């Protein structure tokens, strides 16, 4: 019996060491799993962000093709003779332009402000200088020659202006 008592503490020590080793491995696995879970969540967020960027990029390409058509529509409406502005077909065309304006706004497109604004080379392209403004250093925009647009605050193309 004396021999049995001596083996018991040794076995307890081995069991205790095994248990500590198992607990350590469990903790390592748990930390590894948590890291993998966090990496997966970060990957999902990054993938979603990249997907939105691709959609924006695709939208930008479409909008760059659509905006010149929109500009021509606005220009055509601007040049409708006064006597025809109340006719049904003109009212219909104006309604289409208004729908298109709303669509562009909801897509994040905004027209760059020009006349009366201070010239900003990031948003405006000066293609002419007014004779009144030759000596004036303020560079206030006096006329818009072609509209420019931003998409979600980023310039798609600058407005062509006269300062």
C-alpha atoms as a PDB file:
ATOM      1  CA  UNK A   1       0.000   0.000   0.000  1.00  0.00           C
ATOM      2  CA  UNK A   2       2.876   2.258   0.671  1.00  0.00           C
ATOM      3  CA  UNK A   3       3.960   1.892  -2.929  1.00  0.00           C
ATOM      4  CA  UNK A   4       0.466   2.799  -4.133  1.00  0.00           C
ATOM      5  CA  UNK A   5       0.450   6.014  -2.120  1.00  0.00           C
ATOM      6  CA  UNK A   6       3.743   7.051  -3.630  1.00  0.00           C
ATOM      7  CA  UNK A   7       2.449   6.531  -7.171  1.00  0.00           C
ATOM      8  CA  UNK A   8      -0.728   8.514  -6.595  1.00  0.00           C
ATOM      9  CA  UNK A   9       0.960  11.931  -6.185  1.00  0.00           C
ATOM     10  CA  UNK A  10       3.110  11.184  -9.215  1.00  0.00           C
ATOM     11  CA  UNK A  11      -0.001  10.333 -11.263  1.00  0.00           C
ATOM     12  CA  UNK A  12      -1.751  13.458  -9.942  1.00  0.00           C
ATOM     13  CA  UNK A  13       1.252  15.499 -10.987  1.00  0.00           C
ATOM     14  CA  UNK A  14       1.144  13.962 -14.474  1.00  0.00           C
ATOM     15  CA  UNK A  15      -2.613  14.527 -14.712  1.00  0.00           C
ATOM     16  CA  UNK A  16      -2.197  18.103 -13.517  1.00  0.00           C
ATOM     17  CA  UNK A  17       0.541  18.741 -16.091  1.00  0.00           C
ATOM     18  CA  UNK A  18      -1.583  17.154 -18.833  1.00  0.00           C
ATOM     19  CA  UNK A  19      -4.533  19.259 -17.780  1.00  0.00           C
ATOM     20  CA  UNK A  20      -2.446  22.446 -17.838  1.00  0.00           C
ATOM     21  CA  UNK A  21      -1.114  21.516 -21.263  1.00  0.00           C
ATOM     22  CA  UNK A  22      -4.620  20.808 -22.535  1.00  0.00           C
ATOM     23  CA  UNK A  23      -5.918  24.082 -21.087  1.00  0.00           C
ATOM     24  CA  UNK A  24      -3.042  25.925 -22.747  1.00  0.00           C
ATOM     25  CA  UNK A  25      -3.835  24.279 -26.100  1.00  0.00           C
ATOM     26  CA  UNK A  26      -7.534  25.065 -25.681  1.00  0.00           C
ATOM     27  CA  UNK A  27      -6.672  28.689 -24.980  1.00  0.00           C
ATOM     28  CA  UNK A  28      -4.396  28.819 -28.051  1.00  0.00           C
ATOM     29  CA  UNK A  29      -7.139  27.321 -30.213  1.00  0.00           C
ATOM     30  CA  UNK A  30      -9.690  29.748 -28.817  1.00  0.00           C
ATOM     31  CA  UNK A  31      -7.408  32.736 -29.515  1.00  0.00           C
ATOM     32  CA  UNK A  32      -6.694  31.375 -33.004  1.00  0.00           C
ATOM     33  CA  UNK A  33     -10.405  30.960 -33.659  1.00  0.00           C
ATOM     34  CA  UNK A  34     -11.111  34.497 -32.414  1.00  0.00           C
ATOM     35  CA  UNK A  35      -8.357  35.880 -34.671  1.00  0.00           C
ATOM     36  CA  UNK A  36      -9.749  33.936 -37.626  1.00  0.00           C
ATOM     37  CA  UNK A  37     -13.244  35.220 -36.833  1.00  0.00           C
ATOM     38  CA  UNK A  38     -11.971  38.825 -36.636  1.00  0.00           C
ATOM     39  CA  UNK A  39     -10.044  38.361 -39.900  1.00  0.00           C
ATOM     40  CA  UNK A  40     -13.186  37.022 -41.545  1.00  0.00           C
ATOM     41  CA  UNK A  41     -15.257  39.984 -40.319  1.00  0.00           C
ATOM     42  CA  UNK A  42     -12.592  42.395 -41.603  1.00  0.00           C
ATOM     43  CA  UNK A  43     -12.565  40.571 -44.939  1.00  0.00           C
ATOM     44  CA  UNK A  44     -16.354  40.901 -45.194  1.00  0.00           C
ATOM     45  CA  UNK A  45     -16.140  44.648 -44.474  1.00  0.00           C
ATOM     46  CA  UNK A  46     -13.296  45.140 -46.949  1.00  0.00           C
ATOM     47  CA  UNK A  47     -15.116  43.134 -49.620  1.00  0.00           C
ATOM     48  CA  UNK A  48     -18.295  45.162 -49.104  1.00  0.00           C
ATOM     49  CA  UNK A  49     -16.315  48.409 -49.332  1.00  0.00           C
ATOM     50  CA  UNK A  50     -14.591  47.247 -52.525  1.00  0.00           C
ATOM     51  CA  UNK A  51     -17.934  46.198 -53.981  1.00  0.00           C
ATOM     52  CA  UNK A  52     -19.342  49.678 -53.332  1.00  0.00           C
ATOM     53  CA  UNK A  53     -16.251  51.227 -54.943  1.00  0.00           C
ATOM     54  CA  UNK A  54     -16.767  49.052 -58.037  1.00  0.00           C
ATOM     55  CA  UNK A  55     -20.404  50.126 -58.205  1.00  0.00           C
ATOM     56  CA  UNK A  56     -19.366  53.784 -57.901  1.00  0.00           C
ATOM     57  CA  UNK A  57     -16.778  53.286 -60.624  1.00  0.00           C
ATOM     58  CA  UNK A  58     -19.342  51.638 -62.895  1.00  0.00           C
ATOM     59  CA  UNK A  59     -21.823  54.431 -62.153  1.00  0.00           C
ATOM     60  CA  UNK A  60     -19.147  57.009 -62.902  1.00  0.00           C
ATOM     61  CA  UNK A  61     -18.603  55.540 -66.372  1.00  0.00           C
ATOM     62  CA  UNK A  62     -22.317  55.585 -67.135  1.00  0.00           C
ATOM     63  CA  UNK A  63     -22.720  59.104 -65.765  1.00  0.00           C
ATOM     64  CA  UNK A  64     -19.802  60.399 -67.835  1.00  0.00           C
ATOM     65  CA  UNK A  65     -21.701  59.213 -70.920  1.00  0.00           C
ATOM     66  CA  UNK A  66     -25.099  60.451 -69.703  1.00  0.00           C
ATOM     67  CA  UNK A  67     -24.129  63.956 -68.550  1.00  0.00           C
ATOM     68  CA  UNK A  68     -23.350  65.365 -72.040  1.00  0.00           C
ATOM     69  CA  UNK A  69     -26.809  64.186 -73.158  1.00  0.00           C
ATOM     70  CA  UNK A  70     -28.306  65.887 -70.096  1.00  0.00           C
ATOM     71  CA  UNK A  71     -26.386  69.084 -70.939  1.00  0.00           C
ATOM     72  CA  UNK A  72     -27.702  69.033 -74.518  1.00  0.00           C
ATOM     73  CA  UNK A  73     -31.251  68.525 -73.241  1.00  0.00           C
ATOM     74  CA  UNK A  74     -30.892  71.547 -70.919  1.00  0.00           C
ATOM     75  CA  UNK A  75     -29.433  73.603 -73.757  1.00  0.00           C
ATOM     76  CA  UNK A  76     -32.265  72.609 -76.107  1.00  0.00           C
ATOM     77  CA  UNK A  77     -34.877  73.584 -73.496  1.00  0.00           C
ATOM     78  CA  UNK A  78     -33.106  76.906 -72.950  1.00  0.00           C
ATOM     79  CA  UNK A  79     -33.442  77.717 -76.666  1.00  0.00           C
ATOM     80  CA  UNK A  80     -37.134  76.845 -77.090  1.00  0.00           C
ATOM     81  CA  UNK A  81     -38.940  79.862 -78.572  1.00  0.00           C
ATOM     82  CA  UNK A  82     -41.028  81.751 -76.011  1.00  0.00           C
ATOM     83  CA  UNK A  83     -44.278  81.107 -77.903  1.00  0.00           C
ATOM     84  CA  UNK A  84     -43.827  77.326 -77.694  1.00  0.00           C
ATOM     85  CA  UNK A  85     -42.904  76.975 -74.007  1.00  0.00           C
ATOM     86  CA  UNK A  86     -46.494  76.236 -72.950  1.00  0.00           C
ATOM     87  CA  UNK A  87     -47.145  73.546 -75.562  1.00  0.00           C
ATOM     88  CA  UNK A  88     -47.716  69.995 -74.341  1.00  0.00           C
ATOM     89  CA  UNK A  89     -44.632  68.513 -75.984  1.00  0.00           C
ATOM     90  CA  UNK A  90     -42.368  71.148 -74.403  1.00  0.00           C
ATOM     91  CA  UNK A  91     -43.965  70.599 -70.990  1.00  0.00           C
ATOM     92  CA  UNK A  92     -43.324  66.859 -71.475  1.00  0.00           C
ATOM     93  CA  UNK A  93     -39.677  67.441 -72.388  1.00  0.00           C
ATOM     94  CA  UNK A  94     -39.210  69.710 -69.349  1.00  0.00           C
ATOM     95  CA  UNK A  95     -40.758  67.012 -67.134  1.00  0.00           C
ATOM     96  CA  UNK A  96     -38.310  64.452 -68.532  1.00  0.00           C
ATOM     97  CA  UNK A  97     -35.432  66.829 -67.791  1.00  0.00           C
ATOM     98  CA  UNK A  98     -36.737  67.287 -64.235  1.00  0.00           C
ATOM     99  CA  UNK A  99     -36.917  63.508 -63.739  1.00  0.00           C
ATOM    100  CA  UNK A 100     -33.372  63.185 -65.025  1.00  0.00           C
ATOM    101  CA  UNK A 101     -32.227  65.971 -62.686  1.00  0.00           C
ATOM    102  CA  UNK A 102     -33.807  64.142 -59.741  1.00  0.00           C
ATOM    103  CA  UNK A 103     -32.234  60.842 -60.814  1.00  0.00           C
ATOM    104  CA  UNK A 104     -28.773  62.421 -61.053  1.00  0.00           C
ATOM    105  CA  UNK A 105     -29.167  64.083 -57.666  1.00  0.00           C
ATOM    106  CA  UNK A 106     -30.198  60.797 -56.043  1.00  0.00           C
ATOM    107  CA  UNK A 107     -27.180  59.130 -57.671  1.00  0.00           C
ATOM    108  CA  UNK A 108     -24.899  61.650 -55.918  1.00  0.00           C
ATOM    109  CA  UNK A 109     -24.298  63.969 -58.878  1.00  0.00           C
ATOM    110  CA  UNK A 110     -24.206  67.697 -58.265  1.00  0.00           C
ATOM    111  CA  UNK A 111     -23.526  70.522 -60.659  1.00  0.00           C
ATOM    112  CA  UNK A 112     -20.494  72.649 -59.823  1.00  0.00           C
ATOM    113  CA  UNK A 113     -21.444  76.208 -58.857  1.00  0.00           C
ATOM    114  CA  UNK A 114     -19.940  78.816 -61.138  1.00  0.00           C
ATOM    115  CA  UNK A 115     -21.280  82.334 -61.778  1.00  0.00           C
ATOM    116  CA  UNK A 116     -20.430  84.673 -58.904  1.00  0.00           C
ATOM    117  CA  UNK A 117     -18.138  82.086 -57.277  1.00  0.00           C
ATOM    118  CA  UNK A 118     -14.411  82.523 -56.760  1.00  0.00           C
ATOM    119  CA  UNK A 119     -12.394  80.581 -59.331  1.00  0.00           C
ATOM    120  CA  UNK A 120     -11.234  77.214 -57.968  1.00  0.00           C
ATOM    121  CA  UNK A 121      -8.843  75.313 -60.259  1.00  0.00           C
ATOM    122  CA  UNK A 122      -9.968  71.996 -58.755  1.00  0.00           C
ATOM    123  CA  UNK A 123     -13.559  72.605 -59.927  1.00  0.00           C
ATOM    124  CA  UNK A 124     -13.267  75.157 -62.733  1.00  0.00           C
ATOM    125  CA  UNK A 125     -11.368  75.387 -65.984  1.00  0.00           C
ATOM    126  CA  UNK A 126     -10.828  78.979 -67.104  1.00  0.00           C
ATOM    127  CA  UNK A 127     -11.162  79.069 -70.882  1.00  0.00           C
ATOM    128  CA  UNK A 128     -11.685  82.833 -71.238  1.00  0.00           C
ATOM    129  CA  UNK A 129     -10.961  86.034 -69.346  1.00  0.00           C
ATOM    130  CA  UNK A 130     -13.380  88.943 -69.347  1.00  0.00           C
ATOM    131  CA  UNK A 131     -11.891  92.273 -70.410  1.00  0.00           C
ATOM    132  CA  UNK A 132     -13.282  93.735 -67.185  1.00  0.00           C
ATOM    133  CA  UNK A 133     -11.310  91.183 -65.181  1.00  0.00           C
ATOM    134  CA  UNK A 134      -7.895  91.435 -66.847  1.00  0.00           C
ATOM    135  CA  UNK A 135      -6.415  93.603 -64.084  1.00  0.00           C
ATOM    136  CA  UNK A 136      -8.647  92.231 -61.314  1.00  0.00           C
ATOM    137  CA  UNK A 137      -6.900  89.543 -59.257  1.00  0.00           C
ATOM    138  CA  UNK A 138     -10.076  88.293 -57.515  1.00  0.00           C
ATOM    139  CA  UNK A 139     -10.845  85.855 -60.340  1.00  0.00           C
ATOM    140  CA  UNK A 140     -14.589  85.803 -59.795  1.00  0.00           C
ATOM    141  CA  UNK A 141     -16.423  83.713 -62.381  1.00  0.00           C
ATOM    142  CA  UNK A 142     -18.497  85.910 -64.682  1.00  0.00           C
ATOM    143  CA  UNK A 143     -19.928  83.285 -67.046  1.00  0.00           C
ATOM    144  CA  UNK A 144     -20.365  79.524 -67.299  1.00  0.00           C
ATOM    145  CA  UNK A 145     -19.496  78.218 -70.738  1.00  0.00           C
ATOM    146  CA  UNK A 146     -20.061  74.537 -69.964  1.00  0.00           C
ATOM    147  CA  UNK A 147     -21.281  72.957 -66.724  1.00  0.00           C
ATOM    148  CA  UNK A 148     -19.092  70.699 -64.614  1.00  0.00           C
ATOM    149  CA  UNK A 149     -20.189  67.970 -62.231  1.00  0.00           C
ATOM    150  CA  UNK A 150     -19.180  66.202 -59.031  1.00  0.00           C
ATOM    151  CA  UNK A 151     -20.066  62.668 -57.983  1.00  0.00           C
ATOM    152  CA  UNK A 152     -20.216  62.231 -54.203  1.00  0.00           C
ATOM    153  CA  UNK A 153     -18.082  65.365 -53.809  1.00  0.00           C
ATOM    154  CA  UNK A 154     -15.410  64.211 -56.285  1.00  0.00           C
ATOM    155  CA  UNK A 155     -15.070  66.186 -59.535  1.00  0.00           C
ATOM    156  CA  UNK A 156     -16.161  64.178 -62.586  1.00  0.00           C
ATOM    157  CA  UNK A 157     -15.149  66.987 -64.886  1.00  0.00           C
ATOM    158  CA  UNK A 158     -14.608  70.694 -64.219  1.00  0.00           C
ATOM    159  CA  UNK A 159     -16.911  73.499 -65.322  1.00  0.00           C
ATOM    160  CA  UNK A 160     -15.574  75.586 -68.206  1.00  0.00           C
ATOM    161  CA  UNK A 161     -15.829  79.219 -67.187  1.00  0.00           C
ATOM    162  CA  UNK A 162     -15.005  82.784 -68.059  1.00  0.00           C
ATOM    163  CA  UNK A 163     -13.422  84.850 -65.293  1.00  0.00           C
END
